[in-house]
Amino acid sequence: MAIKNPLSKVSGAAMAAARQRAAQTRQQLRGKPTPDELLTANELAEAAPFYFVLREYIRQLKEARETAGLTLAEVSSRTGMAVEYLSRLETGAQTNPTWKTLATYALAVGRRPQLIAVEPDVATTPRGKQPRRRGEAKS
């Protein structure tokens, strides 16, 4: 049994109006402050660093989706993920996606996921929390 696309019943004029509202909203949010502007250096250092890396990665995926002209519904059909889940992922409401989810989304928008390890920024690394080197004893 084939499932009908609920968006097929939406008129072209309604879709155009919705796209216009979305463009206006994106324009209004264009100048929103970054975490660096909202948090002190200490707050940034104490925060889970991966969270900010994750948010930036998802922002890049969303930007790739929009650049490709894909809707969440189209990404949903490519990935098998619910539109609601994809929306929560993009807005930050979903804070703990799996690696498989992130890779699947990336491939659906024409990107290749990549994980790299970089040297920590000494200015934002909390005191006493520098990573131990192999063979070093715990303090």
C-alpha atoms as a PDB file:
ATOM      1  CA  MET A   1       0.000   0.000   0.000  1.00  0.00           C
ATOM      2  CA  ALA A   2       1.469   3.330  -1.070  1.00  0.00           C
ATOM      3  CA  ILE A   3       1.491   6.204   1.392  1.00  0.00           C
ATOM      4  CA  LYS A   4       0.300   9.500  -0.051  1.00  0.00           C
ATOM      5  CA  ASN A   5       2.430  12.557   0.475  1.00  0.00           C
ATOM      6  CA  PRO A   6       0.402  14.945   2.689  1.00  0.00           C
ATOM      7  CA  LEU A   7       2.155  17.918   1.071  1.00  0.00           C
ATOM      8  CA  SER A   8       0.662  17.069  -2.325  1.00  0.00           C
ATOM      9  CA  LYS A   9      -2.676  18.541  -1.160  1.00  0.00           C
ATOM     10  CA  VAL A  10      -1.114  21.925  -0.331  1.00  0.00           C
ATOM     11  CA  SER A  11      -1.722  24.547  -3.014  1.00  0.00           C
ATOM     12  CA  GLY A  12       1.142  26.249  -4.790  1.00  0.00           C
ATOM     13  CA  ALA A  13       0.072  29.596  -3.364  1.00  0.00           C
ATOM     14  CA  ALA A  14       0.108  28.238   0.196  1.00  0.00           C
ATOM     15  CA  MET A  15       3.564  26.718  -0.335  1.00  0.00           C
ATOM     16  CA  ALA A  16       4.835  30.008  -1.783  1.00  0.00           C
ATOM     17  CA  ALA A  17       3.463  31.907   1.219  1.00  0.00           C
ATOM     18  CA  ALA A  18       5.052  29.445   3.626  1.00  0.00           C
ATOM     19  CA  ARG A  19       8.399  29.719   1.847  1.00  0.00           C
ATOM     20  CA  GLN A  20       8.146  33.515   2.003  1.00  0.00           C
ATOM     21  CA  ARG A  21       7.466  33.410   5.774  1.00  0.00           C
ATOM     22  CA  ALA A  22      10.401  31.026   6.231  1.00  0.00           C
ATOM     23  CA  ALA A  23      12.696  33.370   4.283  1.00  0.00           C
ATOM     24  CA  GLN A  24      11.555  36.323   6.421  1.00  0.00           C
ATOM     25  CA  THR A  25      12.195  34.350   9.606  1.00  0.00           C
ATOM     26  CA  ARG A  26      15.677  33.329   8.424  1.00  0.00           C
ATOM     27  CA  GLN A  27      16.398  36.988   7.654  1.00  0.00           C
ATOM     28  CA  GLN A  28      15.263  38.069  11.137  1.00  0.00           C
ATOM     29  CA  LEU A  29      17.507  35.460  12.773  1.00  0.00           C
ATOM     30  CA  ARG A  30      20.523  36.139  10.568  1.00  0.00           C
ATOM     31  CA  GLY A  31      22.234  38.384  13.131  1.00  0.00           C
ATOM     32  CA  LYS A  32      21.588  36.257  16.206  1.00  0.00           C
ATOM     33  CA  PRO A  33      24.504  36.049  18.648  1.00  0.00           C
ATOM     34  CA  THR A  34      26.852  33.073  18.681  1.00  0.00           C
ATOM     35  CA  PRO A  35      27.653  31.030  21.816  1.00  0.00           C
ATOM     36  CA  ASP A  36      30.954  32.942  22.009  1.00  0.00           C
ATOM     37  CA  GLU A  37      28.989  36.177  22.316  1.00  0.00           C
ATOM     38  CA  LEU A  38      26.483  34.834  24.844  1.00  0.00           C
ATOM     39  CA  LEU A  39      28.818  32.940  27.182  1.00  0.00           C
ATOM     40  CA  THR A  40      31.863  34.019  29.135  1.00  0.00           C
ATOM     41  CA  ALA A  41      35.160  32.275  28.447  1.00  0.00           C
ATOM     42  CA  ASN A  42      34.734  30.342  31.694  1.00  0.00           C
ATOM     43  CA  GLU A  43      31.216  29.227  30.755  1.00  0.00           C
ATOM     44  CA  LEU A  44      32.469  28.073  27.376  1.00  0.00           C
ATOM     45  CA  ALA A  45      35.332  26.168  29.009  1.00  0.00           C
ATOM     46  CA  GLU A  46      32.984  24.480  31.467  1.00  0.00           C
ATOM     47  CA  ALA A  47      30.391  23.550  28.820  1.00  0.00           C
ATOM     48  CA  ALA A  48      30.495  20.214  27.069  1.00  0.00           C
ATOM     49  CA  PRO A  49      32.750  21.113  24.125  1.00  0.00           C
ATOM     50  CA  PHE A  50      31.219  18.469  21.896  1.00  0.00           C
ATOM     51  CA  TYR A  51      27.836  20.178  22.088  1.00  0.00           C
ATOM     52  CA  PHE A  52      29.124  23.269  20.284  1.00  0.00           C
ATOM     53  CA  VAL A  53      30.935  21.139  17.690  1.00  0.00           C
ATOM     54  CA  LEU A  54      27.712  19.178  17.157  1.00  0.00           C
ATOM     55  CA  ARG A  55      25.623  22.337  16.760  1.00  0.00           C
ATOM     56  CA  GLU A  56      28.074  23.714  14.190  1.00  0.00           C
ATOM     57  CA  TYR A  57      28.062  20.421  12.269  1.00  0.00           C
ATOM     58  CA  ILE A  58      24.255  20.361  12.170  1.00  0.00           C
ATOM     59  CA  ARG A  59      24.202  24.019  11.095  1.00  0.00           C
ATOM     60  CA  GLN A  60      26.435  23.071   8.181  1.00  0.00           C
ATOM     61  CA  LEU A  61      24.126  20.190   7.252  1.00  0.00           C
ATOM     62  CA  LYS A  62      21.079  22.448   7.385  1.00  0.00           C
ATOM     63  CA  GLU A  63      22.863  25.018   5.231  1.00  0.00           C
ATOM     64  CA  ALA A  64      23.749  22.262   2.723  1.00  0.00           C
ATOM     65  CA  ARG A  65      20.104  21.136   2.694  1.00  0.00           C
ATOM     66  CA  GLU A  66      18.858  24.659   2.042  1.00  0.00           C
ATOM     67  CA  THR A  67      21.523  25.294  -0.619  1.00  0.00           C
ATOM     68  CA  ALA A  68      20.455  22.096  -2.377  1.00  0.00           C
ATOM     69  CA  GLY A  69      16.863  23.342  -2.254  1.00  0.00           C
ATOM     70  CA  LEU A  70      15.725  20.320  -0.237  1.00  0.00           C
ATOM     71  CA  THR A  71      12.820  20.435   2.193  1.00  0.00           C
ATOM     72  CA  LEU A  72      12.731  18.475   5.423  1.00  0.00           C
ATOM     73  CA  ALA A  73      10.109  16.258   3.776  1.00  0.00           C
ATOM     74  CA  GLU A  74      12.535  15.439   0.956  1.00  0.00           C
ATOM     75  CA  VAL A  75      15.347  14.657   3.408  1.00  0.00           C
ATOM     76  CA  SER A  76      12.862  12.539   5.345  1.00  0.00           C
ATOM     77  CA  SER A  77      12.075  10.465   2.264  1.00  0.00           C
ATOM     78  CA  ARG A  78      15.800  10.033   1.536  1.00  0.00           C
ATOM     79  CA  THR A  79      16.708   9.015   5.087  1.00  0.00           C
ATOM     80  CA  GLY A  80      13.615   7.338   6.483  1.00  0.00           C
ATOM     81  CA  MET A  81      13.714   9.731   9.449  1.00  0.00           C
ATOM     82  CA  ALA A  82      10.545  11.551  10.495  1.00  0.00           C
ATOM     83  CA  VAL A  83      10.234  15.201   9.478  1.00  0.00           C
ATOM     84  CA  GLU A  84       9.568  16.068  13.134  1.00  0.00           C
ATOM     85  CA  TYR A  85      12.818  14.398  14.209  1.00  0.00           C
ATOM     86  CA  LEU A  86      14.794  16.214  11.505  1.00  0.00           C
ATOM     87  CA  SER A  87      13.256  19.501  12.612  1.00  0.00           C
ATOM     88  CA  ARG A  88      14.204  18.843  16.254  1.00  0.00           C
ATOM     89  CA  LEU A  89      17.715  17.954  15.113  1.00  0.00           C
ATOM     90  CA  GLU A  90      18.117  21.209  13.172  1.00  0.00           C
ATOM     91  CA  THR A  91      16.673  23.403  15.926  1.00  0.00           C
ATOM     92  CA  GLY A  92      18.781  21.840  18.674  1.00  0.00           C
ATOM     93  CA  ALA A  93      15.874  20.208  20.515  1.00  0.00           C
ATOM     94  CA  GLN A  94      17.423  16.808  19.733  1.00  0.00           C
ATOM     95  CA  THR A  95      20.742  17.028  21.564  1.00  0.00           C
ATOM     96  CA  ASN A  96      22.030  13.466  21.367  1.00  0.00           C
ATOM     97  CA  PRO A  97      21.823  12.099  17.809  1.00  0.00           C
ATOM     98  CA  THR A  98      23.721   8.934  16.918  1.00  0.00           C
ATOM     99  CA  TRP A  99      26.701   8.933  14.571  1.00  0.00           C
ATOM    100  CA  LYS A 100      24.582   6.896  12.146  1.00  0.00           C
ATOM    101  CA  THR A 101      21.870   9.582  12.185  1.00  0.00           C
ATOM    102  CA  LEU A 102      24.388  12.342  11.477  1.00  0.00           C
ATOM    103  CA  ALA A 103      26.038  10.366   8.667  1.00  0.00           C
ATOM    104  CA  THR A 104      22.694   9.455   7.102  1.00  0.00           C
ATOM    105  CA  TYR A 105      21.567  13.093   7.133  1.00  0.00           C
ATOM    106  CA  ALA A 106      24.910  14.218   5.671  1.00  0.00           C
ATOM    107  CA  LEU A 107      24.716  11.753   2.795  1.00  0.00           C
ATOM    108  CA  ALA A 108      21.097  12.746   2.088  1.00  0.00           C
ATOM    109  CA  VAL A 109      22.151  16.376   1.538  1.00  0.00           C
ATOM    110  CA  GLY A 110      25.195  15.486  -0.548  1.00  0.00           C
ATOM    111  CA  ARG A 111      27.859  15.715   2.119  1.00  0.00           C
ATOM    112  CA  ARG A 112      30.399  13.217   3.455  1.00  0.00           C
ATOM    113  CA  PRO A 113      30.736  13.079   7.231  1.00  0.00           C
ATOM    114  CA  GLN A 114      34.219  13.545   8.659  1.00  0.00           C
ATOM    115  CA  LEU A 115      35.490  13.293  12.220  1.00  0.00           C
ATOM    116  CA  ILE A 116      38.820  14.894  13.105  1.00  0.00           C
ATOM    117  CA  ALA A 117      40.774  15.412  16.304  1.00  0.00           C
ATOM    118  CA  VAL A 118      42.421  18.780  16.849  1.00  0.00           C
ATOM    119  CA  GLU A 119      44.683  20.217  19.516  1.00  0.00           C
ATOM    120  CA  PRO A 120      42.684  21.856  22.338  1.00  0.00           C
ATOM    121  CA  ASP A 121      42.566  25.632  22.506  1.00  0.00           C
ATOM    122  CA  VAL A 122      44.582  26.419  25.640  1.00  0.00           C
ATOM    123  CA  ALA A 123      42.619  29.631  26.219  1.00  0.00           C
ATOM    124  CA  THR A 124      39.326  27.749  26.583  1.00  0.00           C
ATOM    125  CA  THR A 125      40.555  24.540  28.236  1.00  0.00           C
ATOM    126  CA  PRO A 126      39.507  24.541  31.916  1.00  0.00           C
ATOM    127  CA  ARG A 127      42.373  24.701  34.404  1.00  0.00           C
ATOM    128  CA  GLY A 128      43.459  21.315  35.611  1.00  0.00           C
ATOM    129  CA  LYS A 129      41.472  19.560  32.912  1.00  0.00           C
ATOM    130  CA  GLN A 130      44.132  19.281  30.223  1.00  0.00           C
ATOM    131  CA  PRO A 131      44.127  15.799  28.707  1.00  0.00           C
ATOM    132  CA  ARG A 132      46.673  13.401  30.149  1.00  0.00           C
ATOM    133  CA  ARG A 133      49.283  11.997  27.834  1.00  0.00           C
ATOM    134  CA  ARG A 134      49.786   8.284  27.557  1.00  0.00           C
ATOM    135  CA  GLY A 135      51.746   7.008  30.536  1.00  0.00           C
ATOM    136  CA  GLU A 136      51.027  10.011  32.775  1.00  0.00           C
ATOM    137  CA  ALA A 137      49.606   9.277  36.195  1.00  0.00           C
ATOM    138  CA  LYS A 138      46.339  10.760  37.439  1.00  0.00           C
ATOM    139  CA  SER A 139      46.789  13.729  39.786  1.00  0.00           C
END
